[in-house]
């Protein structure tokens, strides 16, 4: 039951040799969802052996360049590699105008349908949903309209106990009803309780991505009890004023959000270039929230 996050970029605005700006790949049941697409994202996808044509949905948090400057290049590469299936972009309304202008200016007519779903950074709303997963926006407090994204699994059906099903020779056509809680009735009328032939559904898992933002407590109810939280951590606490002035978050502030939201694990990223060694930020965050890790380029986190 795959549900993990690959960090493609962990730095703030300017890339370094070791760290690219923000981008992440969420793998849910072998379906790929890309969050943000900074410059260099294509290279990072290839470096981590992640096939770009398996990405069908891309989510852009806001229109600062370190979160979307790689998008048109990725869209173009998908075209050049012969993509036919549709791609859906979710992002601020102005992003559609930007992409349209870039495609017109380069005289590019894509081989595949490119759909656009505008987001409203001031609202918490579901923007993607299927039978197994929902994705909703998390309004944030940054210098320009910005939202994060909450990935949350839906409650699954009960799971068949294979040995019991085989021993009772239960017909395949009855599996659906049994997974939905029905008992099994044998030919002689004997009732086999659902609890004897099924197990509880898998536990619901969740991942919250909180992009660029100042310390913003209104997000706490939206990310309450998530299994994995990514929260930007641009500065250490001694630069709290600079963080506030630039609508960013410090180590202590991100850890405080995680603690108040009672999340299971916190990963921090979007590090300022002033920090050659992100472990300094990690150590400071752990003074408030012990289960914190660094969202460094190439790391994979299980949800």
Protein backbone atom coordinates (compact mmCIF):
# COMPACT_ATOMS: atom_id res chain seq x y z
CA UNK A 1 0.00 0.00 0.00
CA UNK A 2 2.47 2.61 -1.20
CA UNK A 3 2.16 6.15 0.15
CA UNK A 4 5.41 8.09 0.22
CA UNK A 5 6.96 11.46 -0.53
CA UNK A 6 10.21 12.00 -2.44
CA UNK A 7 11.91 15.34 -1.80
CA UNK A 8 13.11 16.79 -5.11
CA UNK A 9 14.09 20.19 -3.75
CA UNK A 10 14.62 21.49 -0.22
CA UNK A 11 16.13 24.94 -0.62
CA UNK A 12 14.58 28.39 -0.66
CA UNK A 13 14.70 30.78 -3.62
CA UNK A 14 18.20 30.15 -5.02
CA UNK A 15 19.47 26.64 -5.85
CA UNK A 16 22.81 25.42 -4.55
CA UNK A 17 25.03 22.55 -5.62
CA UNK A 18 23.47 20.36 -2.93
CA UNK A 19 19.92 21.68 -2.73
CA UNK A 20 17.32 22.59 -5.35
CA UNK A 21 14.29 24.82 -4.72
CA UNK A 22 10.95 23.31 -3.78
CA UNK A 23 9.43 20.28 -5.46
CA UNK A 24 8.08 16.97 -4.15
CA UNK A 25 6.67 13.80 -5.68
CA UNK A 26 3.85 12.02 -3.84
CA UNK A 27 3.39 8.35 -4.72
CA UNK A 28 0.00 7.04 -3.65
CA UNK A 29 -0.65 3.47 -4.73
CA UNK A 30 1.79 3.94 -7.64
CA UNK A 31 -0.02 7.07 -8.84
CA UNK A 32 2.28 10.09 -9.07
CA UNK A 33 1.32 13.60 -7.90
CA UNK A 34 3.83 16.44 -8.25
CA UNK A 35 3.80 19.30 -5.73
CA UNK A 36 5.47 22.49 -6.96
CA UNK A 37 7.92 22.48 -9.83
CA UNK A 38 10.96 24.65 -9.30
CA UNK A 39 13.81 25.07 -11.75
CA UNK A 40 15.67 21.76 -12.03
CA UNK A 41 12.73 19.53 -11.14
CA UNK A 42 13.09 17.49 -14.35
CA UNK A 43 16.69 16.64 -13.50
CA UNK A 44 15.71 15.69 -9.96
CA UNK A 45 12.98 13.39 -11.22
CA UNK A 46 15.47 11.61 -13.45
CA UNK A 47 18.10 11.48 -10.72
CA UNK A 48 15.60 9.76 -8.46
CA UNK A 49 14.44 7.39 -11.23
CA UNK A 50 10.90 8.75 -11.24
CA UNK A 51 9.25 8.58 -14.67
CA UNK A 52 7.79 11.95 -15.61
CA UNK A 53 5.09 10.49 -17.85
CA UNK A 54 3.51 8.81 -14.82
CA UNK A 55 2.68 12.25 -13.42
CA UNK A 56 -0.94 13.12 -14.24
CA UNK A 57 -1.58 15.85 -11.66
CA UNK A 58 0.64 18.82 -10.70
CA UNK A 59 -0.13 21.14 -7.77
CA UNK A 60 1.43 24.62 -7.62
CA UNK A 61 1.26 26.38 -4.24
CA UNK A 62 1.96 29.95 -5.40
CA UNK A 63 3.61 32.04 -8.09
CA UNK A 64 7.04 32.73 -6.65
CA UNK A 65 9.55 31.46 -9.18
CA UNK A 66 11.22 28.93 -6.90
CA UNK A 67 7.94 27.01 -6.88
CA UNK A 68 6.95 26.97 -10.57
CA UNK A 69 9.76 28.10 -12.91
CA UNK A 70 10.37 24.49 -13.94
CA UNK A 71 6.77 23.84 -14.93
CA UNK A 72 6.77 24.94 -18.58
CA UNK A 73 9.96 22.93 -19.19
CA UNK A 74 8.38 19.81 -17.73
CA UNK A 75 5.21 20.32 -19.77
CA UNK A 76 7.32 20.74 -22.93
CA UNK A 77 9.42 17.65 -22.21
CA UNK A 78 6.30 15.56 -21.76
CA UNK A 79 5.20 16.80 -25.21
CA UNK A 80 8.57 16.07 -26.84
CA UNK A 81 8.57 12.57 -25.36
CA UNK A 82 5.27 11.82 -27.08
CA UNK A 83 2.80 12.09 -24.24
CA UNK A 84 -0.84 11.51 -25.24
CA UNK A 85 -2.73 11.26 -21.94
CA UNK A 86 -4.08 14.38 -20.30
CA UNK A 87 -2.28 16.39 -17.62
CA UNK A 88 -4.06 18.52 -15.01
CA UNK A 89 -2.46 21.54 -13.37
CA UNK A 90 -3.85 22.95 -10.12
CA UNK A 91 -2.72 26.44 -9.16
CA UNK A 92 -3.46 30.17 -8.87
CA UNK A 93 -5.70 31.46 -11.72
CA UNK A 94 -2.93 33.63 -13.20
CA UNK A 95 -0.83 30.53 -13.80
CA UNK A 96 -3.04 29.53 -16.72
CA UNK A 97 -2.34 32.86 -18.44
CA UNK A 98 1.39 32.41 -17.88
CA UNK A 99 1.41 28.90 -19.36
CA UNK A 100 -0.77 29.92 -22.31
CA UNK A 101 1.55 32.82 -23.11
CA UNK A 102 4.64 30.60 -22.93
CA UNK A 103 3.09 28.02 -25.25
CA UNK A 104 1.97 30.68 -27.72
CA UNK A 105 5.35 32.45 -27.67
CA UNK A 106 7.18 29.19 -28.39
CA UNK A 107 4.58 28.16 -30.99
CA UNK A 108 4.06 24.89 -29.15
CA UNK A 109 0.92 22.86 -29.77
CA UNK A 110 0.89 20.08 -27.21
CA UNK A 111 0.23 16.49 -28.27
CA UNK A 112 -1.88 15.95 -25.17
CA UNK A 113 -4.78 17.69 -23.37
CA UNK A 114 -3.60 20.18 -20.74
CA UNK A 115 -6.32 20.89 -18.18
CA UNK A 116 -6.21 23.68 -15.61
CA UNK A 117 -7.99 23.75 -12.25
CA UNK A 118 -7.75 27.17 -10.53
CA UNK A 119 -7.24 27.15 -6.78
CA UNK A 120 -8.53 29.68 -4.28
CA UNK A 121 -5.76 30.28 -1.71
CA UNK A 122 -8.23 31.82 0.74
CA UNK A 123 -10.46 28.74 0.95
CA UNK A 124 -10.09 25.20 2.25
CA UNK A 125 -11.64 23.16 -0.55
CA UNK A 126 -11.33 19.74 -2.14
CA UNK A 127 -9.70 20.04 -5.55
CA UNK A 128 -9.09 16.36 -6.38
CA UNK A 129 -11.00 13.26 -5.40
CA UNK A 130 -11.24 9.63 -6.43
CA UNK A 131 -12.35 6.43 -4.70
CA UNK A 132 -9.15 6.17 -2.65
CA UNK A 133 -7.82 9.69 -2.07
CA UNK A 134 -8.88 13.31 -1.63
CA UNK A 135 -6.66 16.38 -1.97
CA UNK A 136 -7.69 19.70 -0.47
CA UNK A 137 -6.12 23.14 -0.16
CA UNK A 138 -4.69 24.64 3.03
CA UNK A 139 -4.83 28.47 3.06
CA UNK A 140 -1.47 29.91 4.14
CA UNK A 141 -0.17 33.37 5.05
CA UNK A 142 2.55 34.42 2.63
CA UNK A 143 3.44 37.65 0.80
CA UNK A 144 1.35 36.57 -2.20
CA UNK A 145 -1.66 34.23 -2.30
CA UNK A 146 -0.43 30.76 -1.32
CA UNK A 147 -1.92 27.45 -0.33
CA UNK A 148 -0.68 24.12 0.88
CA UNK A 149 -2.18 20.73 0.09
CA UNK A 150 -3.61 17.96 2.26
CA UNK A 151 -3.51 14.41 0.88
CA UNK A 152 -5.90 12.17 2.79
CA UNK A 153 -6.88 8.59 2.11
CA UNK A 154 -10.52 7.57 2.15
CA UNK A 155 -11.78 4.79 4.36
CA UNK A 156 -11.32 1.51 2.51
CA UNK A 157 -13.50 -1.59 2.58
CA UNK A 158 -13.00 -4.55 4.88
CA UNK A 159 -10.28 -6.98 3.79
CA UNK A 160 -10.96 -10.63 3.03
CA UNK A 161 -9.08 -13.27 5.03
CA UNK A 162 -7.83 -15.37 2.14
CA UNK A 163 -7.48 -18.66 4.01
CA UNK A 164 -11.02 -18.43 5.35
CA UNK A 165 -12.43 -17.45 1.95
CA UNK A 166 -10.66 -20.41 0.34
CA UNK A 167 -11.71 -22.88 3.04
CA UNK A 168 -15.35 -21.82 2.73
CA UNK A 169 -15.16 -21.72 -1.08
CA UNK A 170 -16.86 -18.32 -1.14
CA UNK A 171 -17.89 -17.34 -4.70
CA UNK A 172 -16.06 -14.38 -6.19
CA UNK A 173 -19.35 -12.64 -6.97
CA UNK A 174 -20.00 -12.30 -3.23
CA UNK A 175 -16.69 -10.60 -2.42
CA UNK A 176 -18.05 -7.08 -2.97
CA UNK A 177 -20.91 -7.44 -0.50
CA UNK A 178 -18.71 -9.15 2.07
CA UNK A 179 -16.13 -6.36 1.85
CA UNK A 180 -19.00 -3.98 2.56
CA UNK A 181 -19.89 -5.87 5.73
CA UNK A 182 -22.26 -8.65 4.63
CA UNK A 183 -22.19 -12.09 6.27
CA UNK A 184 -21.71 -15.25 4.21
CA UNK A 185 -24.55 -17.78 4.11
CA UNK A 186 -23.58 -21.34 3.25
CA UNK A 187 -25.76 -23.59 1.11
CA UNK A 188 -27.06 -25.37 4.25
CA UNK A 189 -28.16 -22.02 5.70
CA UNK A 190 -25.28 -21.65 8.15
CA UNK A 191 -24.37 -17.98 8.66
CA UNK A 192 -20.68 -17.13 8.80
CA UNK A 193 -20.20 -13.78 10.51
CA UNK A 194 -18.41 -11.08 8.53
CA UNK A 195 -15.85 -10.72 11.34
CA UNK A 196 -14.80 -14.35 10.81
CA UNK A 197 -13.91 -13.86 7.15
CA UNK A 198 -12.67 -10.26 7.00
CA UNK A 199 -10.18 -7.95 8.68
CA UNK A 200 -10.49 -4.25 9.45
CA UNK A 201 -9.74 -1.84 6.59
CA UNK A 202 -6.28 -0.33 6.33
CA UNK A 203 -5.71 2.66 8.61
CA UNK A 204 -6.31 6.00 6.87
CA UNK A 205 -3.06 7.88 6.19
CA UNK A 206 -2.53 11.59 5.52
CA UNK A 207 0.15 14.02 4.36
CA UNK A 208 0.09 17.81 4.67
CA UNK A 209 2.33 20.05 2.57
CA UNK A 210 2.61 23.57 3.99
CA UNK A 211 4.52 25.72 1.55
CA UNK A 212 5.82 29.25 2.12
CA UNK A 213 4.03 30.87 5.05
CA UNK A 214 4.54 32.86 8.19
CA UNK A 215 3.58 31.33 11.55
CA UNK A 216 -0.14 30.77 10.97
CA UNK A 217 -2.21 28.97 13.58
CA UNK A 218 -5.45 28.81 11.49
CA UNK A 219 -3.92 25.82 9.65
CA UNK A 220 -3.84 23.73 12.84
CA UNK A 221 -7.43 22.38 12.62
CA UNK A 222 -6.84 21.45 8.96
CA UNK A 223 -3.69 19.42 9.62
CA UNK A 224 -4.70 17.98 13.00
CA UNK A 225 -3.26 14.50 13.62
CA UNK A 226 -1.77 14.03 10.13
CA UNK A 227 0.79 11.26 9.82
CA UNK A 228 3.36 13.42 8.04
CA UNK A 229 3.64 17.21 7.91
CA UNK A 230 5.99 19.17 5.69
CA UNK A 231 6.36 22.74 6.92
CA UNK A 232 8.67 25.37 5.50
CA UNK A 233 11.47 26.36 7.89
CA UNK A 234 13.46 29.10 6.23
CA UNK A 235 15.27 30.52 9.27
CA UNK A 236 16.50 29.64 12.73
CA UNK A 237 14.83 31.36 15.67
CA UNK A 238 17.47 34.08 16.02
CA UNK A 239 16.14 35.50 12.74
CA UNK A 240 12.49 35.52 13.78
CA UNK A 241 12.05 39.16 12.76
CA UNK A 242 13.44 38.50 9.28
CA UNK A 243 11.11 35.52 8.99
CA UNK A 244 8.09 37.59 9.94
CA UNK A 245 9.07 40.42 7.60
CA UNK A 246 9.37 37.98 4.69
CA UNK A 247 6.30 35.92 5.65
CA UNK A 248 8.37 32.83 6.39
CA UNK A 249 8.68 30.51 9.38
CA UNK A 250 11.43 29.69 11.85
CA UNK A 251 12.46 26.32 13.26
CA UNK A 252 10.71 26.89 16.58
CA UNK A 253 7.55 28.15 14.89
CA UNK A 254 7.26 25.17 12.53
CA UNK A 255 7.86 22.78 15.42
CA UNK A 256 5.24 24.59 17.49
CA UNK A 257 2.68 24.17 14.71
CA UNK A 258 3.49 20.44 14.57
CA UNK A 259 3.17 20.10 18.33
CA UNK A 260 -0.13 21.97 18.55
CA UNK A 261 -1.55 20.00 15.63
CA UNK A 262 -0.42 16.73 17.24
CA UNK A 263 1.06 15.42 14.01
CA UNK A 264 3.04 12.19 14.06
CA UNK A 265 6.11 13.36 12.15
CA UNK A 266 7.42 16.73 10.95
CA UNK A 267 9.79 17.27 8.02
CA UNK A 268 11.28 20.71 7.48
CA UNK A 269 12.64 22.35 4.33
CA UNK A 270 12.89 25.55 2.25
CA UNK A 271 16.19 26.38 3.95
CA UNK A 272 17.77 29.79 3.51
CA UNK A 273 21.09 29.87 1.62
CA UNK A 274 22.74 31.24 4.72
CA UNK A 275 22.73 27.70 6.19
CA UNK A 276 25.35 25.39 4.73
CA UNK A 277 24.50 22.81 7.36
CA UNK A 278 20.74 22.25 7.79
CA UNK A 279 21.38 20.07 10.84
CA UNK A 280 21.50 23.30 12.84
CA UNK A 281 17.85 23.88 11.96
CA UNK A 282 17.01 20.27 12.76
CA UNK A 283 18.55 20.42 16.22
CA UNK A 284 16.68 23.60 17.07
CA UNK A 285 13.34 22.24 15.81
CA UNK A 286 13.76 19.11 17.91
CA UNK A 287 13.89 21.16 21.10
CA UNK A 288 10.14 21.66 20.59
CA UNK A 289 9.09 18.68 18.46
CA UNK A 290 11.34 15.65 18.79
CA UNK A 291 10.09 13.67 15.80
CA UNK A 292 11.43 16.12 13.22
CA UNK A 293 13.55 15.25 10.17
CA UNK A 294 15.19 17.19 7.37
CA UNK A 295 13.45 17.18 3.98
CA UNK A 296 16.73 16.95 2.07
CA UNK A 297 16.93 16.39 -1.69
CA UNK A 298 16.52 12.73 -2.58
CA UNK A 299 15.08 11.59 0.75
CA UNK A 300 11.94 9.46 0.70
CA UNK A 301 9.46 9.59 3.57
CA UNK A 302 6.78 6.96 4.17
CA UNK A 303 3.43 8.36 5.18
